[in-house]
Amino acid sequence: QVQLRETGGGSVQTGGSLGLTCVASGYAGCMGWTRQAPGKEREWVAHVATDGNIQIADSVKGRFTISRDNAKNTLYLQMNSLKTEDTAVYYCAAPATSGLFLPDYNYWGQGTQVTVSS
């Protein structure tokens, strides 16, 4: 049974930094981060493929860094220079078979709140 569990998040002022961690059990494939702001659709943020290839959404590129520790089955998201528009619930996610983006994700963590205030 696949389980994804996020930790981290919290509240910070604009320009601040936060880090998220997702520990996966029963899974070792591509993993990504998504987020959903109030009243908006869930959006893809970044992913790390099994070959180590990384892609990051333009909206966070240069500010967010995604990485993974395969030995620990752990995914990370370091968020710097945070903006109020980064406020959202952040979810760790993964596909059951193949695919790298939001429509391909079948497994989800419980989500963790990130709030950025001015």
C-alpha atoms as a PDB file:
ATOM      1  CA  GLN A   1       0.000   0.000   0.000  1.00  0.00           C
ATOM      2  CA  VAL A   2       1.406   3.340  -1.061  1.00  0.00           C
ATOM      3  CA  GLN A   3       1.467   6.112   1.507  1.00  0.00           C
ATOM      4  CA  LEU A   4       2.776   9.639   1.124  1.00  0.00           C
ATOM      5  CA  ARG A   5       3.173  11.766   4.187  1.00  0.00           C
ATOM      6  CA  GLU A   6       4.097  15.448   4.152  1.00  0.00           C
ATOM      7  CA  THR A   7       5.613  17.455   6.948  1.00  0.00           C
ATOM      8  CA  GLY A   8       6.723  21.030   7.129  1.00  0.00           C
ATOM      9  CA  GLY A   9       4.799  24.051   6.006  1.00  0.00           C
ATOM     10  CA  GLY A  10       3.510  26.752   8.283  1.00  0.00           C
ATOM     11  CA  SER A  11       3.276  30.519   8.216  1.00  0.00           C
ATOM     12  CA  VAL A  12       5.889  32.977   7.040  1.00  0.00           C
ATOM     13  CA  GLN A  13       6.099  36.557   5.838  1.00  0.00           C
ATOM     14  CA  THR A  14       6.798  37.484   2.243  1.00  0.00           C
ATOM     15  CA  GLY A  15      10.383  36.889   1.300  1.00  0.00           C
ATOM     16  CA  GLY A  16      10.745  34.123   3.846  1.00  0.00           C
ATOM     17  CA  SER A  17      11.559  30.454   3.399  1.00  0.00           C
ATOM     18  CA  LEU A  18       9.947  27.151   4.252  1.00  0.00           C
ATOM     19  CA  GLY A  19      10.785  23.529   3.595  1.00  0.00           C
ATOM     20  CA  LEU A  20       8.476  20.607   2.932  1.00  0.00           C
ATOM     21  CA  THR A  21       9.262  16.920   3.265  1.00  0.00           C
ATOM     22  CA  CYS A  22       7.350  13.941   1.899  1.00  0.00           C
ATOM     23  CA  VAL A  23       8.153  10.428   3.010  1.00  0.00           C
ATOM     24  CA  ALA A  24       6.911   7.656   0.743  1.00  0.00           C
ATOM     25  CA  SER A  25       6.259   4.100   1.780  1.00  0.00           C
ATOM     26  CA  GLY A  26       5.581   1.335  -0.689  1.00  0.00           C
ATOM     27  CA  TYR A  27       6.652   3.519  -3.603  1.00  0.00           C
ATOM     28  CA  ALA A  28       9.850   4.450  -5.427  1.00  0.00           C
ATOM     29  CA  GLY A  29       8.845   6.103  -8.695  1.00  0.00           C
ATOM     30  CA  CYS A  30       8.419   9.652  -9.878  1.00  0.00           C
ATOM     31  CA  MET A  31       7.240  12.029  -7.196  1.00  0.00           C
ATOM     32  CA  GLY A  32       6.024  15.571  -7.345  1.00  0.00           C
ATOM     33  CA  TRP A  33       4.566  18.503  -5.491  1.00  0.00           C
ATOM     34  CA  THR A  34       1.258  20.140  -6.259  1.00  0.00           C
ATOM     35  CA  ARG A  35      -0.651  22.905  -4.534  1.00  0.00           C
ATOM     36  CA  GLN A  36      -4.151  24.247  -4.254  1.00  0.00           C
ATOM     37  CA  ALA A  37      -4.938  27.789  -3.250  1.00  0.00           C
ATOM     38  CA  PRO A  38      -8.357  28.754  -1.874  1.00  0.00           C
ATOM     39  CA  GLY A  39     -10.905  28.960  -4.655  1.00  0.00           C
ATOM     40  CA  LYS A  40      -8.449  27.775  -7.282  1.00  0.00           C
ATOM     41  CA  GLU A  41      -7.746  24.537  -9.065  1.00  0.00           C
ATOM     42  CA  ARG A  42      -4.917  22.320  -7.974  1.00  0.00           C
ATOM     43  CA  GLU A  43      -1.734  23.059  -9.879  1.00  0.00           C
ATOM     44  CA  TRP A  44       1.471  21.167 -10.494  1.00  0.00           C
ATOM     45  CA  VAL A  45       4.572  22.695  -8.883  1.00  0.00           C
ATOM     46  CA  ALA A  46       7.519  20.402  -9.566  1.00  0.00           C
ATOM     47  CA  HIS A  47       8.584  16.793  -9.912  1.00  0.00           C
ATOM     48  CA  VAL A  48      11.588  14.521  -9.840  1.00  0.00           C
ATOM     49  CA  ALA A  49      11.499  11.606 -12.262  1.00  0.00           C
ATOM     50  CA  THR A  50      13.047   8.237 -11.505  1.00  0.00           C
ATOM     51  CA  ASP A  51      16.026   9.119 -13.702  1.00  0.00           C
ATOM     52  CA  GLY A  52      16.580  12.245 -11.616  1.00  0.00           C
ATOM     53  CA  ASN A  53      15.201  14.628 -14.210  1.00  0.00           C
ATOM     54  CA  ILE A  54      13.674  17.678 -12.550  1.00  0.00           C
ATOM     55  CA  GLN A  55      11.018  20.023 -13.840  1.00  0.00           C
ATOM     56  CA  ILE A  56       9.667  23.062 -12.043  1.00  0.00           C
ATOM     57  CA  ALA A  57       6.697  25.266 -12.851  1.00  0.00           C
ATOM     58  CA  ASP A  58       7.537  28.690 -14.239  1.00  0.00           C
ATOM     59  CA  SER A  59       5.609  30.342 -11.411  1.00  0.00           C
ATOM     60  CA  VAL A  60       8.123  29.105  -8.839  1.00  0.00           C
ATOM     61  CA  LYS A  61      11.257  28.613 -10.902  1.00  0.00           C
ATOM     62  CA  GLY A  62      14.266  30.282  -9.330  1.00  0.00           C
ATOM     63  CA  ARG A  63      12.594  30.320  -5.923  1.00  0.00           C
ATOM     64  CA  PHE A  64      11.674  26.690  -5.236  1.00  0.00           C
ATOM     65  CA  THR A  65      14.018  23.719  -5.289  1.00  0.00           C
ATOM     66  CA  ILE A  66      12.888  20.112  -5.449  1.00  0.00           C
ATOM     67  CA  SER A  67      15.084  17.173  -4.512  1.00  0.00           C
ATOM     68  CA  ARG A  68      14.802  13.603  -3.382  1.00  0.00           C
ATOM     69  CA  ASP A  69      16.747  11.102  -1.349  1.00  0.00           C
ATOM     70  CA  ASN A  70      16.130   7.738  -2.956  1.00  0.00           C
ATOM     71  CA  ALA A  71      17.699   5.841  -0.088  1.00  0.00           C
ATOM     72  CA  LYS A  72      15.142   7.375   2.248  1.00  0.00           C
ATOM     73  CA  ASN A  73      12.245   7.455  -0.234  1.00  0.00           C
ATOM     74  CA  THR A  74      11.907  11.099   0.674  1.00  0.00           C
ATOM     75  CA  LEU A  75      11.009  14.102  -1.449  1.00  0.00           C
ATOM     76  CA  TYR A  76      11.821  17.669  -0.493  1.00  0.00           C
ATOM     77  CA  LEU A  77      10.658  21.104  -1.540  1.00  0.00           C
ATOM     78  CA  GLN A  78      12.675  24.114  -0.441  1.00  0.00           C
ATOM     79  CA  MET A  79      10.726  27.322  -0.926  1.00  0.00           C
ATOM     80  CA  ASN A  80      12.557  30.633  -0.848  1.00  0.00           C
ATOM     81  CA  SER A  81      11.503  34.212  -1.548  1.00  0.00           C
ATOM     82  CA  LEU A  82       7.940  33.274  -0.795  1.00  0.00           C
ATOM     83  CA  LYS A  83       5.110  35.431  -2.074  1.00  0.00           C
ATOM     84  CA  THR A  84       1.540  35.794  -0.869  1.00  0.00           C
ATOM     85  CA  GLU A  85       0.395  33.996  -4.017  1.00  0.00           C
ATOM     86  CA  ASP A  86       2.288  30.908  -2.839  1.00  0.00           C
ATOM     87  CA  THR A  87      -0.275  30.483  -0.078  1.00  0.00           C
ATOM     88  CA  ALA A  88      -1.907  27.095  -0.618  1.00  0.00           C
ATOM     89  CA  VAL A  89      -2.209  23.563   0.630  1.00  0.00           C
ATOM     90  CA  TYR A  90       0.754  21.665  -0.745  1.00  0.00           C
ATOM     91  CA  TYR A  91       0.409  18.006  -1.645  1.00  0.00           C
ATOM     92  CA  CYS A  92       2.982  15.375  -2.356  1.00  0.00           C
ATOM     93  CA  ALA A  93       1.811  13.157  -5.200  1.00  0.00           C
ATOM     94  CA  ALA A  94       2.879  10.291  -7.419  1.00  0.00           C
ATOM     95  CA  PRO A  95       1.634   8.287 -10.402  1.00  0.00           C
ATOM     96  CA  ALA A  96       0.677   4.639 -10.095  1.00  0.00           C
ATOM     97  CA  THR A  97       2.302   3.716 -13.388  1.00  0.00           C
ATOM     98  CA  SER A  98       3.808   6.382 -15.610  1.00  0.00           C
ATOM     99  CA  GLY A  99       3.494  10.082 -16.230  1.00  0.00           C
ATOM    100  CA  LEU A 100       5.008  13.114 -14.622  1.00  0.00           C
ATOM    101  CA  PHE A 101       2.305  15.738 -14.243  1.00  0.00           C
ATOM    102  CA  LEU A 102      -0.873  16.435 -12.334  1.00  0.00           C
ATOM    103  CA  PRO A 103      -3.302  14.341 -14.452  1.00  0.00           C
ATOM    104  CA  ASP A 104      -1.061  11.309 -13.993  1.00  0.00           C
ATOM    105  CA  TYR A 105      -0.999  11.373 -10.192  1.00  0.00           C
ATOM    106  CA  ASN A 106      -2.873   8.633  -8.370  1.00  0.00           C
ATOM    107  CA  TYR A 107      -1.351   8.767  -4.921  1.00  0.00           C
ATOM    108  CA  TRP A 108      -1.666  11.794  -2.676  1.00  0.00           C
ATOM    109  CA  GLY A 109      -0.473  12.903   0.699  1.00  0.00           C
ATOM    110  CA  GLN A 110      -2.794  14.544   3.181  1.00  0.00           C
ATOM    111  CA  GLY A 111      -1.537  18.026   2.357  1.00  0.00           C
ATOM    112  CA  THR A 112       0.202  20.671   4.416  1.00  0.00           C
ATOM    113  CA  GLN A 113      -0.731  24.327   4.667  1.00  0.00           C
ATOM    114  CA  VAL A 114       1.661  27.060   3.609  1.00  0.00           C
ATOM    115  CA  THR A 115       0.588  30.600   4.431  1.00  0.00           C
ATOM    116  CA  VAL A 116       2.545  33.633   3.283  1.00  0.00           C
ATOM    117  CA  SER A 117       1.510  36.991   4.666  1.00  0.00           C
ATOM    118  CA  SER A 118       2.609  40.480   3.760  1.00  0.00           C
END
